[in-house]
Amino acid sequence: MARLILFAAFVAAISVATFLGLWSGQFAARFANEPETAGVGEALIGGPFTLIDQHGATVTEADLLGHWSIVYFGYTFCPDVCPVTLQNVTLALEMLGGRASRVVPYFITVDPWRDTPEVMAEYATYFHAGLKALSGTPEQIAAAAAAFRVYYSPTERPETEDYFVDHTSILYLLGPDGRYVSHFSHTTAVDEIADRLARAL
């Protein structure tokens, strides 16, 4: 019940939080241009991983093939950035209408200690119906984050249960071949996300 109350309070504060700037924006700014400036040729985004979705099914990089994918790393206890970003993805996909069936959004936790499949299952209900909410062991999360060049901290379980996790806040767009195509910042407007997705599709 407490989680539902906090989530409702967050929804009411979305516009204010976005205007004021979000606490992990410094990390988004640090990494936002990295994929496209990492070097000549293809961006080094994506790679082998093994995780568990909110229904207990194993998900690997092979499951990203055959459709467009939006991949975002965050955590369910995130006070603002993560729910705002996932809500923006939800709204952008709704704007695509029937074409949205070609896109699967993935939410990968960077907090494996608290974000169990059961927690992820409840959280996913607040967003797009097709959202795949992935968790795993700390080692599995570390491997997935490394594959997508995602920064997060802490990487070891804190002594307290009341903690924040700083993390890269970028939406990665992958093509049906599983390769990186583009990325969006957590501050990218909904209509811009929808427009760029429409043009990519």
N, C-alpha and C. Protein backbone atom coordinates (compact mmCIF):
# COMPACT_ATOMS: atom_id res chain seq x y z
N MET A 1 0.83 -1.20 0.00
CA MET A 1 0.00 0.00 0.00
C MET A 1 0.87 1.26 0.00
N ALA A 2 1.96 1.21 0.79
CA ALA A 2 2.83 2.39 0.85
C ALA A 2 3.43 2.69 -0.50
N ARG A 3 3.80 1.61 -1.24
CA ARG A 3 4.38 1.81 -2.58
C ARG A 3 3.36 2.47 -3.52
N LEU A 4 2.08 2.06 -3.43
CA LEU A 4 1.05 2.63 -4.28
C LEU A 4 0.84 4.11 -3.97
N ILE A 5 0.89 4.45 -2.68
CA ILE A 5 0.72 5.86 -2.29
C ILE A 5 1.88 6.69 -2.81
N LEU A 6 3.10 6.16 -2.68
CA LEU A 6 4.26 6.89 -3.17
C LEU A 6 4.21 7.06 -4.68
N PHE A 7 3.74 6.01 -5.38
CA PHE A 7 3.66 6.10 -6.83
C PHE A 7 2.64 7.14 -7.25
N ALA A 8 1.51 7.20 -6.57
CA ALA A 8 0.49 8.20 -6.89
C ALA A 8 1.03 9.61 -6.67
N ALA A 9 1.80 9.78 -5.60
CA ALA A 9 2.38 11.08 -5.34
C ALA A 9 3.37 11.47 -6.42
N PHE A 10 4.11 10.47 -6.91
CA PHE A 10 5.05 10.73 -8.01
C PHE A 10 4.34 11.22 -9.27
N VAL A 11 3.25 10.56 -9.62
CA VAL A 11 2.52 10.93 -10.84
C VAL A 11 2.09 12.39 -10.78
N ALA A 12 1.64 12.82 -9.62
CA ALA A 12 1.20 14.21 -9.48
C ALA A 12 2.34 15.18 -9.60
N ALA A 13 3.58 14.69 -9.36
CA ALA A 13 4.73 15.60 -9.34
C ALA A 13 5.60 15.51 -10.58
N ILE A 14 5.15 14.77 -11.60
CA ILE A 14 5.99 14.56 -12.79
C ILE A 14 6.46 15.87 -13.41
N SER A 15 5.53 16.77 -13.67
CA SER A 15 5.89 18.01 -14.35
C SER A 15 6.84 18.85 -13.54
N VAL A 16 6.65 18.86 -12.23
CA VAL A 16 7.54 19.64 -11.36
C VAL A 16 8.93 19.05 -11.35
N ALA A 17 9.00 17.71 -11.22
CA ALA A 17 10.29 17.05 -11.17
C ALA A 17 11.07 17.25 -12.46
N THR A 18 10.35 17.18 -13.58
CA THR A 18 11.02 17.35 -14.87
C THR A 18 11.56 18.77 -15.01
N PHE A 19 10.77 19.75 -14.57
CA PHE A 19 11.19 21.14 -14.68
C PHE A 19 12.41 21.44 -13.82
N LEU A 20 12.43 20.91 -12.64
CA LEU A 20 13.50 21.22 -11.70
C LEU A 20 14.80 20.51 -12.06
N GLY A 21 14.69 19.44 -12.87
CA GLY A 21 15.88 18.65 -13.19
C GLY A 21 15.98 17.48 -12.24
N LEU A 22 16.40 16.35 -12.74
CA LEU A 22 16.35 15.12 -11.98
C LEU A 22 17.71 14.80 -11.39
N TRP A 23 17.67 14.16 -10.22
CA TRP A 23 18.89 14.01 -9.43
C TRP A 23 20.01 13.26 -10.12
N SER A 24 19.69 12.37 -11.06
CA SER A 24 20.76 11.65 -11.73
C SER A 24 21.08 12.24 -13.10
N GLY A 25 20.65 13.43 -13.37
CA GLY A 25 20.91 14.04 -14.66
C GLY A 25 22.39 14.16 -14.96
N GLN A 26 23.20 14.33 -13.92
CA GLN A 26 24.63 14.46 -14.13
C GLN A 26 25.19 13.22 -14.80
N PHE A 27 24.63 12.05 -14.48
CA PHE A 27 25.13 10.82 -15.09
C PHE A 27 24.65 10.70 -16.52
N ALA A 28 23.42 11.13 -16.79
CA ALA A 28 22.94 11.12 -18.18
C ALA A 28 23.79 12.03 -19.03
N ALA A 29 24.14 13.20 -18.49
CA ALA A 29 24.96 14.14 -19.23
C ALA A 29 26.33 13.55 -19.51
N ARG A 30 26.84 12.77 -18.55
CA ARG A 30 28.17 12.20 -18.71
C ARG A 30 28.22 11.17 -19.83
N PHE A 31 27.14 10.39 -19.97
CA PHE A 31 27.15 9.25 -20.90
C PHE A 31 26.31 9.47 -22.15
N ALA A 32 25.50 10.52 -22.23
CA ALA A 32 24.50 10.64 -23.29
C ALA A 32 25.09 10.59 -24.67
N ASN A 33 26.27 11.20 -24.88
CA ASN A 33 26.85 11.23 -26.22
C ASN A 33 27.86 10.12 -26.46
N GLU A 34 28.13 9.32 -25.43
CA GLU A 34 29.17 8.33 -25.54
C GLU A 34 28.93 7.30 -26.62
N PRO A 35 27.72 6.73 -26.79
CA PRO A 35 27.54 5.69 -27.80
C PRO A 35 27.91 6.14 -29.20
N GLU A 36 27.57 7.38 -29.57
CA GLU A 36 27.81 7.81 -30.93
C GLU A 36 29.20 8.40 -31.13
N THR A 37 29.96 8.60 -30.04
CA THR A 37 31.29 9.18 -30.17
C THR A 37 32.35 8.22 -29.65
N ALA A 38 31.94 6.97 -29.43
CA ALA A 38 32.86 6.01 -28.86
C ALA A 38 33.98 5.64 -29.83
N GLY A 39 33.80 5.87 -31.09
CA GLY A 39 34.82 5.53 -32.06
C GLY A 39 34.22 5.45 -33.45
N VAL A 40 35.06 5.14 -34.41
CA VAL A 40 34.61 5.05 -35.79
C VAL A 40 33.89 3.72 -35.98
N GLY A 41 32.76 3.76 -36.68
CA GLY A 41 32.03 2.53 -36.95
C GLY A 41 30.91 2.30 -35.97
N GLU A 42 30.56 1.06 -35.77
CA GLU A 42 29.40 0.69 -34.97
C GLU A 42 29.62 0.95 -33.48
N ALA A 43 28.61 1.48 -32.83
CA ALA A 43 28.69 1.73 -31.39
C ALA A 43 28.72 0.40 -30.64
N LEU A 44 29.50 0.40 -29.57
CA LEU A 44 29.67 -0.83 -28.79
C LEU A 44 28.60 -0.91 -27.71
N ILE A 45 27.37 -1.09 -28.14
CA ILE A 45 26.23 -1.16 -27.23
C ILE A 45 25.54 -2.50 -27.42
N GLY A 46 25.35 -3.22 -26.33
CA GLY A 46 24.70 -4.52 -26.41
C GLY A 46 25.71 -5.65 -26.39
N GLY A 47 25.23 -6.83 -26.06
CA GLY A 47 26.09 -7.99 -25.98
C GLY A 47 25.42 -9.09 -25.19
N PRO A 48 26.15 -10.15 -24.89
CA PRO A 48 25.56 -11.30 -24.19
C PRO A 48 25.07 -10.94 -22.78
N PHE A 49 23.91 -11.44 -22.42
CA PHE A 49 23.40 -11.31 -21.06
C PHE A 49 22.36 -12.40 -20.82
N THR A 50 22.15 -12.72 -19.57
CA THR A 50 21.11 -13.67 -19.17
C THR A 50 20.41 -13.10 -17.95
N LEU A 51 19.11 -12.85 -18.09
CA LEU A 51 18.32 -12.25 -17.02
C LEU A 51 16.99 -12.99 -16.88
N ILE A 52 16.18 -12.56 -15.92
CA ILE A 52 14.87 -13.17 -15.67
C ILE A 52 13.80 -12.09 -15.78
N ASP A 53 12.72 -12.37 -16.54
CA ASP A 53 11.67 -11.37 -16.64
C ASP A 53 10.72 -11.47 -15.45
N GLN A 54 9.71 -10.59 -15.43
CA GLN A 54 8.81 -10.52 -14.28
C GLN A 54 7.94 -11.75 -14.11
N HIS A 55 7.93 -12.62 -15.11
CA HIS A 55 7.15 -13.85 -15.03
C HIS A 55 8.02 -15.07 -14.73
N GLY A 56 9.32 -14.85 -14.54
CA GLY A 56 10.22 -15.94 -14.22
C GLY A 56 10.88 -16.59 -15.41
N ALA A 57 10.65 -16.06 -16.61
CA ALA A 57 11.24 -16.64 -17.82
C ALA A 57 12.64 -16.08 -18.07
N THR A 58 13.53 -16.91 -18.55
CA THR A 58 14.88 -16.47 -18.88
C THR A 58 14.87 -15.64 -20.16
N VAL A 59 15.59 -14.53 -20.13
CA VAL A 59 15.71 -13.64 -21.29
C VAL A 59 17.19 -13.43 -21.57
N THR A 60 17.59 -13.61 -22.83
CA THR A 60 18.97 -13.36 -23.24
C THR A 60 18.98 -12.38 -24.40
N GLU A 61 20.17 -12.05 -24.86
CA GLU A 61 20.30 -11.12 -25.98
C GLU A 61 19.58 -11.65 -27.23
N ALA A 62 19.43 -12.96 -27.33
CA ALA A 62 18.74 -13.55 -28.48
C ALA A 62 17.27 -13.15 -28.53
N ASP A 63 16.70 -12.84 -27.38
CA ASP A 63 15.28 -12.46 -27.33
C ASP A 63 15.05 -11.05 -27.85
N LEU A 64 16.12 -10.29 -28.08
CA LEU A 64 15.99 -8.95 -28.63
C LEU A 64 15.93 -8.96 -30.16
N LEU A 65 16.07 -10.13 -30.75
CA LEU A 65 16.07 -10.23 -32.21
C LEU A 65 14.64 -10.33 -32.75
N GLY A 66 14.45 -9.80 -33.95
CA GLY A 66 13.16 -9.94 -34.63
C GLY A 66 12.19 -8.81 -34.37
N HIS A 67 12.56 -7.86 -33.55
CA HIS A 67 11.70 -6.70 -33.29
C HIS A 67 12.59 -5.54 -32.86
N TRP A 68 12.04 -4.34 -32.88
CA TRP A 68 12.74 -3.18 -32.36
C TRP A 68 12.69 -3.23 -30.84
N SER A 69 13.77 -2.81 -30.19
CA SER A 69 13.84 -2.85 -28.73
C SER A 69 14.23 -1.49 -28.17
N ILE A 70 13.58 -1.11 -27.09
CA ILE A 70 14.00 0.04 -26.30
C ILE A 70 14.47 -0.50 -24.96
N VAL A 71 15.74 -0.28 -24.65
CA VAL A 71 16.33 -0.84 -23.44
C VAL A 71 16.68 0.28 -22.47
N TYR A 72 16.20 0.14 -21.23
CA TYR A 72 16.46 1.15 -20.21
C TYR A 72 16.84 0.48 -18.90
N PHE A 73 17.90 0.97 -18.28
CA PHE A 73 18.36 0.48 -16.99
C PHE A 73 17.92 1.44 -15.89
N GLY A 74 17.37 0.89 -14.80
CA GLY A 74 16.93 1.72 -13.68
C GLY A 74 16.56 0.82 -12.52
N TYR A 75 15.70 1.30 -11.64
CA TYR A 75 15.27 0.46 -10.52
C TYR A 75 13.95 0.96 -9.97
N THR A 76 13.20 0.07 -9.32
CA THR A 76 11.83 0.39 -8.94
C THR A 76 11.74 1.38 -7.79
N PHE A 77 12.76 1.48 -6.97
CA PHE A 77 12.75 2.42 -5.86
C PHE A 77 13.22 3.81 -6.29
N CYS A 78 13.55 3.99 -7.54
CA CYS A 78 13.98 5.28 -8.08
C CYS A 78 12.86 6.30 -7.85
N PRO A 79 13.16 7.45 -7.26
CA PRO A 79 12.10 8.40 -6.89
C PRO A 79 11.52 9.21 -8.03
N ASP A 80 12.24 9.34 -9.15
CA ASP A 80 11.72 10.24 -10.19
C ASP A 80 12.16 9.87 -11.59
N VAL A 81 13.45 9.76 -11.84
CA VAL A 81 13.94 9.58 -13.20
C VAL A 81 13.36 8.34 -13.88
N CYS A 82 13.42 7.21 -13.22
CA CYS A 82 12.98 5.96 -13.84
C CYS A 82 11.48 5.95 -14.17
N PRO A 83 10.61 6.29 -13.22
CA PRO A 83 9.19 6.27 -13.58
C PRO A 83 8.82 7.30 -14.63
N VAL A 84 9.46 8.47 -14.60
CA VAL A 84 9.19 9.48 -15.63
C VAL A 84 9.60 8.94 -17.01
N THR A 85 10.79 8.34 -17.07
CA THR A 85 11.29 7.83 -18.35
C THR A 85 10.41 6.71 -18.88
N LEU A 86 10.02 5.78 -18.02
CA LEU A 86 9.17 4.67 -18.46
C LEU A 86 7.78 5.16 -18.85
N GLN A 87 7.30 6.19 -18.18
CA GLN A 87 6.01 6.77 -18.57
C GLN A 87 6.11 7.43 -19.94
N ASN A 88 7.24 8.09 -20.20
CA ASN A 88 7.44 8.72 -21.51
C ASN A 88 7.49 7.67 -22.62
N VAL A 89 8.13 6.54 -22.34
CA VAL A 89 8.15 5.46 -23.32
C VAL A 89 6.74 4.95 -23.58
N THR A 90 5.98 4.78 -22.51
CA THR A 90 4.60 4.32 -22.63
C THR A 90 3.78 5.26 -23.51
N LEU A 91 3.87 6.54 -23.25
CA LEU A 91 3.12 7.53 -24.02
C LEU A 91 3.57 7.58 -25.48
N ALA A 92 4.88 7.48 -25.70
CA ALA A 92 5.40 7.51 -27.07
C ALA A 92 4.90 6.31 -27.86
N LEU A 93 4.89 5.14 -27.25
CA LEU A 93 4.41 3.95 -27.94
C LEU A 93 2.92 4.05 -28.22
N GLU A 94 2.18 4.64 -27.31
CA GLU A 94 0.75 4.84 -27.55
C GLU A 94 0.52 5.76 -28.74
N MET A 95 1.40 6.74 -28.92
CA MET A 95 1.28 7.65 -30.05
C MET A 95 1.54 6.95 -31.39
N LEU A 96 2.25 5.84 -31.36
CA LEU A 96 2.55 5.10 -32.60
C LEU A 96 1.38 4.26 -33.09
N GLY A 97 0.39 4.06 -32.23
CA GLY A 97 -0.75 3.23 -32.62
C GLY A 97 -0.34 1.80 -32.89
N GLY A 98 -0.81 1.24 -34.00
CA GLY A 98 -0.55 -0.15 -34.34
C GLY A 98 0.91 -0.46 -34.58
N ARG A 99 1.69 0.56 -34.98
CA ARG A 99 3.11 0.32 -35.24
C ARG A 99 3.87 -0.02 -33.97
N ALA A 100 3.31 0.29 -32.81
CA ALA A 100 3.99 0.01 -31.54
C ALA A 100 4.18 -1.48 -31.32
N SER A 101 3.41 -2.31 -32.02
CA SER A 101 3.54 -3.76 -31.86
C SER A 101 4.90 -4.26 -32.34
N ARG A 102 5.61 -3.43 -33.09
CA ARG A 102 6.93 -3.79 -33.60
C ARG A 102 8.04 -3.44 -32.62
N VAL A 103 7.67 -2.82 -31.49
CA VAL A 103 8.65 -2.35 -30.52
C VAL A 103 8.39 -3.01 -29.16
N VAL A 104 9.45 -3.54 -28.54
CA VAL A 104 9.34 -4.11 -27.20
C VAL A 104 10.21 -3.29 -26.25
N PRO A 105 9.61 -2.71 -25.20
CA PRO A 105 10.41 -1.98 -24.22
C PRO A 105 10.94 -2.93 -23.14
N TYR A 106 12.21 -2.74 -22.77
CA TYR A 106 12.84 -3.55 -21.74
C TYR A 106 13.31 -2.65 -20.60
N PHE A 107 12.99 -3.03 -19.38
CA PHE A 107 13.44 -2.31 -18.20
C PHE A 107 14.30 -3.26 -17.38
N ILE A 108 15.61 -2.95 -17.28
CA ILE A 108 16.55 -3.82 -16.58
C ILE A 108 16.96 -3.15 -15.27
N THR A 109 16.76 -3.84 -14.17
CA THR A 109 17.08 -3.24 -12.88
C THR A 109 18.59 -3.14 -12.65
N VAL A 110 19.00 -2.12 -11.93
CA VAL A 110 20.38 -2.00 -11.44
C VAL A 110 20.39 -2.18 -9.92
N ASP A 111 19.30 -2.72 -9.39
CA ASP A 111 19.15 -2.95 -7.96
C ASP A 111 18.67 -4.38 -7.74
N PRO A 112 19.54 -5.36 -8.01
CA PRO A 112 19.10 -6.77 -7.95
C PRO A 112 18.72 -7.24 -6.55
N TRP A 113 19.13 -6.52 -5.53
CA TRP A 113 18.85 -6.95 -4.15
C TRP A 113 17.40 -6.70 -3.76
N ARG A 114 16.82 -5.61 -4.22
CA ARG A 114 15.43 -5.31 -3.88
C ARG A 114 14.47 -5.64 -5.01
N ASP A 115 14.94 -5.56 -6.25
CA ASP A 115 14.06 -5.76 -7.40
C ASP A 115 13.99 -7.22 -7.82
N THR A 116 13.24 -7.99 -7.07
CA THR A 116 12.99 -9.38 -7.41
C THR A 116 11.99 -9.45 -8.56
N PRO A 117 11.84 -10.61 -9.20
CA PRO A 117 10.83 -10.72 -10.25
C PRO A 117 9.44 -10.32 -9.78
N GLU A 118 9.11 -10.61 -8.53
CA GLU A 118 7.79 -10.26 -8.00
C GLU A 118 7.63 -8.74 -7.91
N VAL A 119 8.66 -8.07 -7.44
CA VAL A 119 8.63 -6.61 -7.35
C VAL A 119 8.55 -6.00 -8.75
N MET A 120 9.32 -6.54 -9.67
CA MET A 120 9.32 -6.03 -11.05
C MET A 120 7.97 -6.25 -11.71
N ALA A 121 7.32 -7.36 -11.38
CA ALA A 121 6.01 -7.66 -11.97
C ALA A 121 4.98 -6.61 -11.55
N GLU A 122 4.99 -6.25 -10.28
CA GLU A 122 4.05 -5.23 -9.81
C GLU A 122 4.36 -3.88 -10.45
N TYR A 123 5.62 -3.53 -10.49
CA TYR A 123 6.04 -2.24 -11.03
C TYR A 123 5.67 -2.11 -12.51
N ALA A 124 5.85 -3.17 -13.25
CA ALA A 124 5.59 -3.15 -14.70
C ALA A 124 4.14 -2.83 -15.02
N THR A 125 3.23 -3.12 -14.11
CA THR A 125 1.81 -2.87 -14.38
C THR A 125 1.48 -1.40 -14.49
N TYR A 126 2.36 -0.53 -14.03
CA TYR A 126 2.11 0.90 -14.10
C TYR A 126 2.44 1.49 -15.47
N PHE A 127 3.06 0.69 -16.33
CA PHE A 127 3.56 1.22 -17.59
C PHE A 127 3.02 0.42 -18.78
N HIS A 128 3.72 0.47 -19.90
CA HIS A 128 3.24 -0.16 -21.12
C HIS A 128 2.99 -1.65 -20.91
N ALA A 129 1.91 -2.13 -21.48
CA ALA A 129 1.52 -3.54 -21.27
C ALA A 129 2.57 -4.51 -21.78
N GLY A 130 3.36 -4.10 -22.76
CA GLY A 130 4.38 -4.98 -23.33
C GLY A 130 5.74 -4.89 -22.65
N LEU A 131 5.84 -4.11 -21.57
CA LEU A 131 7.12 -3.91 -20.91
C LEU A 131 7.67 -5.22 -20.36
N LYS A 132 8.92 -5.52 -20.70
CA LYS A 132 9.63 -6.65 -20.13
C LYS A 132 10.52 -6.12 -19.02
N ALA A 133 10.21 -6.48 -17.78
CA ALA A 133 10.96 -6.00 -16.61
C ALA A 133 11.92 -7.10 -16.17
N LEU A 134 13.22 -6.84 -16.32
CA LEU A 134 14.22 -7.88 -16.13
C LEU A 134 15.06 -7.67 -14.87
N SER A 135 15.29 -8.76 -14.16
CA SER A 135 16.16 -8.74 -12.99
C SER A 135 17.09 -9.94 -13.07
N GLY A 136 17.86 -10.15 -12.02
CA GLY A 136 18.79 -11.27 -12.00
C GLY A 136 19.68 -11.18 -10.80
N THR A 137 20.73 -11.99 -10.78
CA THR A 137 21.70 -11.93 -9.69
C THR A 137 22.56 -10.69 -9.87
N PRO A 138 23.26 -10.27 -8.81
CA PRO A 138 24.17 -9.13 -8.98
C PRO A 138 25.17 -9.35 -10.10
N GLU A 139 25.64 -10.56 -10.26
CA GLU A 139 26.61 -10.86 -11.32
C GLU A 139 25.97 -10.74 -12.70
N GLN A 140 24.74 -11.19 -12.84
CA GLN A 140 24.04 -11.09 -14.12
C GLN A 140 23.74 -9.64 -14.47
N ILE A 141 23.35 -8.85 -13.49
CA ILE A 141 23.09 -7.43 -13.72
C ILE A 141 24.38 -6.72 -14.13
N ALA A 142 25.47 -7.04 -13.46
CA ALA A 142 26.75 -6.42 -13.80
C ALA A 142 27.15 -6.74 -15.23
N ALA A 143 26.92 -7.97 -15.66
CA ALA A 143 27.27 -8.37 -17.03
C ALA A 143 26.41 -7.64 -18.05
N ALA A 144 25.11 -7.51 -17.77
CA ALA A 144 24.22 -6.80 -18.69
C ALA A 144 24.58 -5.33 -18.76
N ALA A 145 24.87 -4.72 -17.62
CA ALA A 145 25.25 -3.31 -17.59
C ALA A 145 26.54 -3.08 -18.37
N ALA A 146 27.49 -3.99 -18.23
CA ALA A 146 28.74 -3.87 -18.96
C ALA A 146 28.51 -3.99 -20.46
N ALA A 147 27.60 -4.87 -20.87
CA ALA A 147 27.32 -5.05 -22.29
C ALA A 147 26.75 -3.77 -22.91
N PHE A 148 25.96 -3.02 -22.12
CA PHE A 148 25.35 -1.79 -22.62
C PHE A 148 26.09 -0.54 -22.16
N ARG A 149 27.27 -0.73 -21.58
CA ARG A 149 28.11 0.37 -21.13
C ARG A 149 27.34 1.29 -20.17
N VAL A 150 26.62 0.68 -19.27
CA VAL A 150 25.81 1.41 -18.30
C VAL A 150 26.56 1.51 -16.97
N TYR A 151 26.60 2.71 -16.44
CA TYR A 151 27.18 2.95 -15.12
C TYR A 151 26.10 2.82 -14.06
N TYR A 152 26.42 2.20 -12.93
CA TYR A 152 25.50 2.23 -11.80
C TYR A 152 26.30 2.05 -10.51
N SER A 153 25.77 2.57 -9.44
CA SER A 153 26.40 2.46 -8.14
C SER A 153 25.30 2.52 -7.07
N PRO A 154 25.32 1.68 -6.07
CA PRO A 154 26.38 0.74 -5.71
C PRO A 154 26.33 -0.55 -6.52
N THR A 155 27.48 -1.24 -6.57
CA THR A 155 27.55 -2.53 -7.24
C THR A 155 27.54 -3.67 -6.23
N GLU A 156 27.59 -3.33 -4.93
CA GLU A 156 27.45 -4.31 -3.87
C GLU A 156 26.30 -3.88 -2.95
N ARG A 157 25.65 -4.84 -2.33
CA ARG A 157 24.49 -4.54 -1.51
C ARG A 157 24.86 -3.62 -0.35
N PRO A 158 24.17 -2.49 -0.23
CA PRO A 158 24.43 -1.59 0.90
C PRO A 158 23.97 -2.22 2.21
N GLU A 159 24.49 -1.72 3.31
CA GLU A 159 24.12 -2.27 4.62
C GLU A 159 22.69 -1.90 4.99
N THR A 160 22.21 -0.77 4.49
CA THR A 160 20.85 -0.34 4.77
C THR A 160 19.94 -0.68 3.60
N GLU A 161 18.64 -0.80 3.87
CA GLU A 161 17.67 -1.05 2.80
C GLU A 161 17.15 0.24 2.22
N ASP A 162 17.50 1.35 2.81
CA ASP A 162 17.03 2.67 2.35
C ASP A 162 18.18 3.37 1.63
N TYR A 163 18.28 3.14 0.33
CA TYR A 163 19.40 3.69 -0.43
C TYR A 163 18.96 4.01 -1.86
N PHE A 164 19.72 4.91 -2.50
CA PHE A 164 19.52 5.25 -3.90
C PHE A 164 20.60 4.59 -4.74
N VAL A 165 20.33 4.40 -6.01
CA VAL A 165 21.31 3.85 -6.94
C VAL A 165 21.51 4.84 -8.08
N ASP A 166 22.67 5.48 -8.09
CA ASP A 166 22.99 6.36 -9.23
C ASP A 166 23.21 5.49 -10.46
N HIS A 167 22.76 5.97 -11.61
CA HIS A 167 22.90 5.14 -12.81
C HIS A 167 22.77 5.97 -14.08
N THR A 168 23.31 5.42 -15.15
CA THR A 168 23.12 5.99 -16.48
C THR A 168 21.63 5.99 -16.80
N SER A 169 21.13 7.12 -17.29
CA SER A 169 19.69 7.21 -17.60
C SER A 169 19.50 7.48 -19.09
N ILE A 170 19.68 6.43 -19.87
CA ILE A 170 19.59 6.53 -21.33
C ILE A 170 18.70 5.42 -21.85
N LEU A 171 17.88 5.75 -22.83
CA LEU A 171 17.08 4.76 -23.55
C LEU A 171 17.84 4.36 -24.81
N TYR A 172 18.15 3.08 -24.94
CA TYR A 172 18.83 2.60 -26.13
C TYR A 172 17.82 2.00 -27.10
N LEU A 173 17.90 2.40 -28.35
CA LEU A 173 17.05 1.83 -29.40
C LEU A 173 17.88 0.85 -30.21
N LEU A 174 17.43 -0.40 -30.25
CA LEU A 174 18.10 -1.45 -31.01
C LEU A 174 17.20 -1.91 -32.14
N GLY A 175 17.81 -2.24 -33.26
CA GLY A 175 17.05 -2.71 -34.41
C GLY A 175 16.69 -4.18 -34.28
N PRO A 176 15.91 -4.71 -35.22
CA PRO A 176 15.52 -6.12 -35.20
C PRO A 176 16.70 -7.09 -35.24
N ASP A 177 17.86 -6.60 -35.65
CA ASP A 177 19.06 -7.44 -35.65
C ASP A 177 19.79 -7.37 -34.32
N GLY A 178 19.23 -6.65 -33.36
CA GLY A 178 19.84 -6.54 -32.04
C GLY A 178 20.96 -5.53 -31.95
N ARG A 179 21.18 -4.76 -33.00
CA ARG A 179 22.26 -3.78 -33.02
C ARG A 179 21.77 -2.39 -32.62
N TYR A 180 22.66 -1.66 -31.98
CA TYR A 180 22.36 -0.29 -31.57
C TYR A 180 22.02 0.59 -32.78
N VAL A 181 20.95 1.37 -32.65
CA VAL A 181 20.54 2.30 -33.71
C VAL A 181 20.65 3.74 -33.23
N SER A 182 20.14 4.02 -32.04
CA SER A 182 20.12 5.39 -31.52
C SER A 182 19.87 5.35 -30.03
N HIS A 183 19.83 6.52 -29.41
CA HIS A 183 19.50 6.58 -27.99
C HIS A 183 18.77 7.87 -27.69
N PHE A 184 18.08 7.87 -26.55
CA PHE A 184 17.34 9.04 -26.08
C PHE A 184 17.77 9.33 -24.65
N SER A 185 17.81 10.60 -24.31
CA SER A 185 18.04 10.99 -22.92
C SER A 185 16.73 10.84 -22.14
N HIS A 186 16.83 10.79 -20.82
CA HIS A 186 15.61 10.75 -20.01
C HIS A 186 14.84 12.07 -20.08
N THR A 187 15.47 13.11 -20.63
CA THR A 187 14.79 14.40 -20.77
C THR A 187 14.19 14.58 -22.16
N THR A 188 14.37 13.61 -23.07
CA THR A 188 13.81 13.73 -24.41
C THR A 188 12.28 13.76 -24.34
N ALA A 189 11.67 14.71 -25.03
CA ALA A 189 10.22 14.87 -24.99
C ALA A 189 9.52 13.67 -25.62
N VAL A 190 8.31 13.40 -25.15
CA VAL A 190 7.54 12.26 -25.62
C VAL A 190 7.31 12.32 -27.13
N ASP A 191 6.93 13.49 -27.64
CA ASP A 191 6.65 13.58 -29.07
C ASP A 191 7.90 13.37 -29.91
N GLU A 192 9.06 13.75 -29.37
CA GLU A 192 10.31 13.51 -30.12
C GLU A 192 10.64 12.02 -30.14
N ILE A 193 10.43 11.35 -29.02
CA ILE A 193 10.66 9.91 -28.98
C ILE A 193 9.74 9.23 -30.00
N ALA A 194 8.47 9.59 -29.98
CA ALA A 194 7.51 8.98 -30.91
C ALA A 194 7.88 9.25 -32.36
N ASP A 195 8.30 10.49 -32.65
CA ASP A 195 8.65 10.86 -34.02
C ASP A 195 9.86 10.09 -34.50
N ARG A 196 10.88 10.00 -33.67
CA ARG A 196 12.10 9.28 -34.06
C ARG A 196 11.85 7.78 -34.20
N LEU A 197 11.00 7.24 -33.35
CA LEU A 197 10.63 5.84 -33.49
C LEU A 197 9.88 5.59 -34.79
N ALA A 198 8.96 6.49 -35.10
CA ALA A 198 8.16 6.34 -36.32
C ALA A 198 9.07 6.36 -37.54
N ARG A 199 10.04 7.25 -37.55
CA ARG A 199 10.95 7.34 -38.69
C ARG A 199 11.86 6.12 -38.77
N ALA A 200 12.25 5.58 -37.62
CA ALA A 200 13.11 4.38 -37.60
C ALA A 200 12.36 3.16 -38.09
N LEU A 201 11.08 3.06 -37.70
CA LEU A 201 10.28 1.90 -38.10
C LEU A 201 9.99 1.90 -39.60
